[in-house]
């Protein structure tokens, strides 16, 4: 597996983890939110070691955006935008 493929894989997985966080927060399930956030942090660490620092930086921004959307009560909008960002990665990975 190449570094670029690893970064795509981890970024796509981070997106799913963050989407789970958003869904849990929307549902008011803070236990599930905390578990999903813990998974996201682990995935972010894998992304950090993928050899693509720019992907890691984007992952950090994604995590921050989740927190901002949560604080502003805009998680539904955030999820729609997140889906648009993550979908191409998922599609690419599904055809490999």
C-alpha atoms as a PDB file:
ATOM      1  CA  UNK A   1       0.000   0.000   0.000  1.00  0.00           C
ATOM      2  CA  UNK A   2       1.420   3.404  -0.921  1.00  0.00           C
ATOM      3  CA  UNK A   3       1.481   6.434   1.355  1.00  0.00           C
ATOM      4  CA  UNK A   4      -1.086   8.200  -0.884  1.00  0.00           C
ATOM      5  CA  UNK A   5      -3.451   5.239  -0.642  1.00  0.00           C
ATOM      6  CA  UNK A   6      -2.982   5.066   3.108  1.00  0.00           C
ATOM      7  CA  UNK A   7      -3.820   8.742   3.446  1.00  0.00           C
ATOM      8  CA  UNK A   8      -6.966   8.331   1.322  1.00  0.00           C
ATOM      9  CA  UNK A   9      -8.004   5.321   3.349  1.00  0.00           C
ATOM     10  CA  UNK A  10      -7.499   7.035   6.681  1.00  0.00           C
ATOM     11  CA  UNK A  11      -9.080  10.296   5.563  1.00  0.00           C
ATOM     12  CA  UNK A  12     -12.179   8.463   4.324  1.00  0.00           C
ATOM     13  CA  UNK A  13     -12.374   6.569   7.610  1.00  0.00           C
ATOM     14  CA  UNK A  14     -11.910   9.785   9.576  1.00  0.00           C
ATOM     15  CA  UNK A  15     -14.816  11.253   7.652  1.00  0.00           C
ATOM     16  CA  UNK A  16     -17.013   8.327   8.649  1.00  0.00           C
ATOM     17  CA  UNK A  17     -15.910   8.634  12.270  1.00  0.00           C
ATOM     18  CA  UNK A  18     -16.724  12.352  12.252  1.00  0.00           C
ATOM     19  CA  UNK A  19     -20.093  11.678  10.607  1.00  0.00           C
ATOM     20  CA  UNK A  20     -20.865   9.227  13.413  1.00  0.00           C
ATOM     21  CA  UNK A  21     -19.941  11.936  15.919  1.00  0.00           C
ATOM     22  CA  UNK A  22     -22.308  14.384  14.267  1.00  0.00           C
ATOM     23  CA  UNK A  23     -25.147  11.867  14.157  1.00  0.00           C
ATOM     24  CA  UNK A  24     -24.666  10.975  17.811  1.00  0.00           C
ATOM     25  CA  UNK A  25     -24.639  14.641  18.813  1.00  0.00           C
ATOM     26  CA  UNK A  26     -27.783  15.340  16.784  1.00  0.00           C
ATOM     27  CA  UNK A  27     -29.471  12.404  18.521  1.00  0.00           C
ATOM     28  CA  UNK A  28     -28.293  13.652  21.910  1.00  0.00           C
ATOM     29  CA  UNK A  29     -26.384  10.432  22.573  1.00  0.00           C
ATOM     30  CA  UNK A  30     -23.249  11.742  24.266  1.00  0.00           C
ATOM     31  CA  UNK A  31     -21.953   8.268  25.127  1.00  0.00           C
ATOM     32  CA  UNK A  32     -21.948   7.308  21.458  1.00  0.00           C
ATOM     33  CA  UNK A  33     -20.522  10.730  20.588  1.00  0.00           C
ATOM     34  CA  UNK A  34     -17.600  10.185  22.972  1.00  0.00           C
ATOM     35  CA  UNK A  35     -16.941   6.691  21.593  1.00  0.00           C
ATOM     36  CA  UNK A  36     -17.047   7.937  17.993  1.00  0.00           C
ATOM     37  CA  UNK A  37     -14.786  10.858  18.850  1.00  0.00           C
ATOM     38  CA  UNK A  38     -12.287   8.475  20.469  1.00  0.00           C
ATOM     39  CA  UNK A  39     -12.271   6.401  17.258  1.00  0.00           C
ATOM     40  CA  UNK A  40     -11.815   9.571  15.216  1.00  0.00           C
ATOM     41  CA  UNK A  41      -8.781  10.552  17.294  1.00  0.00           C
ATOM     42  CA  UNK A  42      -7.226   7.118  16.725  1.00  0.00           C
ATOM     43  CA  UNK A  43      -7.900   7.397  12.998  1.00  0.00           C
ATOM     44  CA  UNK A  44      -6.441  10.907  12.988  1.00  0.00           C
ATOM     45  CA  UNK A  45      -3.276   9.506  14.572  1.00  0.00           C
ATOM     46  CA  UNK A  46      -3.025   6.902  11.793  1.00  0.00           C
ATOM     47  CA  UNK A  47      -3.492   9.712   9.275  1.00  0.00           C
ATOM     48  CA  UNK A  48      -0.714  11.647  10.992  1.00  0.00           C
ATOM     49  CA  UNK A  49       1.664   8.743  10.363  1.00  0.00           C
ATOM     50  CA  UNK A  50       0.552   8.146   6.762  1.00  0.00           C
ATOM     51  CA  UNK A  51       3.329  10.283   5.302  1.00  0.00           C
ATOM     52  CA  UNK A  52       0.963  12.981   4.052  1.00  0.00           C
ATOM     53  CA  UNK A  53       1.150  15.953   6.434  1.00  0.00           C
ATOM     54  CA  UNK A  54      -1.364  17.913   4.363  1.00  0.00           C
ATOM     55  CA  UNK A  55      -3.944  15.145   4.829  1.00  0.00           C
ATOM     56  CA  UNK A  56      -3.322  15.212   8.562  1.00  0.00           C
ATOM     57  CA  UNK A  57      -3.825  19.003   8.615  1.00  0.00           C
ATOM     58  CA  UNK A  58      -7.111  18.592   6.738  1.00  0.00           C
ATOM     59  CA  UNK A  59      -8.121  15.956   9.267  1.00  0.00           C
ATOM     60  CA  UNK A  60      -7.438  18.375  12.116  1.00  0.00           C
ATOM     61  CA  UNK A  61      -9.579  20.980  10.361  1.00  0.00           C
ATOM     62  CA  UNK A  62     -12.354  18.416   9.966  1.00  0.00           C
ATOM     63  CA  UNK A  63     -12.320  17.702  13.690  1.00  0.00           C
ATOM     64  CA  UNK A  64     -12.391  21.432  14.463  1.00  0.00           C
ATOM     65  CA  UNK A  65     -15.256  21.968  12.039  1.00  0.00           C
ATOM     66  CA  UNK A  66     -17.251  19.298  13.859  1.00  0.00           C
ATOM     67  CA  UNK A  67     -16.793  21.119  17.144  1.00  0.00           C
ATOM     68  CA  UNK A  68     -17.698  24.485  15.618  1.00  0.00           C
ATOM     69  CA  UNK A  69     -20.820  23.038  13.990  1.00  0.00           C
ATOM     70  CA  UNK A  70     -21.801  21.407  17.262  1.00  0.00           C
ATOM     71  CA  UNK A  71     -21.328  24.656  19.184  1.00  0.00           C
ATOM     72  CA  UNK A  72     -23.320  26.619  16.586  1.00  0.00           C
ATOM     73  CA  UNK A  73     -26.143  24.074  16.325  1.00  0.00           C
ATOM     74  CA  UNK A  74     -25.411  23.483  12.639  1.00  0.00           C
ATOM     75  CA  UNK A  75     -24.639  19.771  12.646  1.00  0.00           C
ATOM     76  CA  UNK A  76     -27.235  18.922   9.976  1.00  0.00           C
ATOM     77  CA  UNK A  77     -25.595  21.347   7.523  1.00  0.00           C
ATOM     78  CA  UNK A  78     -22.172  20.097   8.537  1.00  0.00           C
ATOM     79  CA  UNK A  79     -23.148  16.476   7.801  1.00  0.00           C
ATOM     80  CA  UNK A  80     -24.362  17.389   4.308  1.00  0.00           C
ATOM     81  CA  UNK A  81     -21.104  19.177   3.539  1.00  0.00           C
ATOM     82  CA  UNK A  82     -19.079  16.355   5.079  1.00  0.00           C
ATOM     83  CA  UNK A  83     -20.828  13.800   2.861  1.00  0.00           C
ATOM     84  CA  UNK A  84     -19.888  15.846  -0.204  1.00  0.00           C
ATOM     85  CA  UNK A  85     -16.227  15.861   0.862  1.00  0.00           C
ATOM     86  CA  UNK A  86     -15.961  12.215   1.876  1.00  0.00           C
ATOM     87  CA  UNK A  87     -18.014  10.605  -0.914  1.00  0.00           C
ATOM     88  CA  UNK A  88     -15.254  10.840  -3.566  1.00  0.00           C
ATOM     89  CA  UNK A  89     -12.793   9.108  -1.216  1.00  0.00           C
ATOM     90  CA  UNK A  90     -15.254   6.308  -0.487  1.00  0.00           C
ATOM     91  CA  UNK A  91     -15.977   5.859  -4.184  1.00  0.00           C
ATOM     92  CA  UNK A  92     -12.255   5.724  -5.011  1.00  0.00           C
ATOM     93  CA  UNK A  93     -11.605   3.159  -2.300  1.00  0.00           C
ATOM     94  CA  UNK A  94     -14.529   0.991  -3.361  1.00  0.00           C
ATOM     95  CA  UNK A  95     -13.116   0.606  -6.871  1.00  0.00           C
ATOM     96  CA  UNK A  96      -9.607  -0.387  -5.763  1.00  0.00           C
END
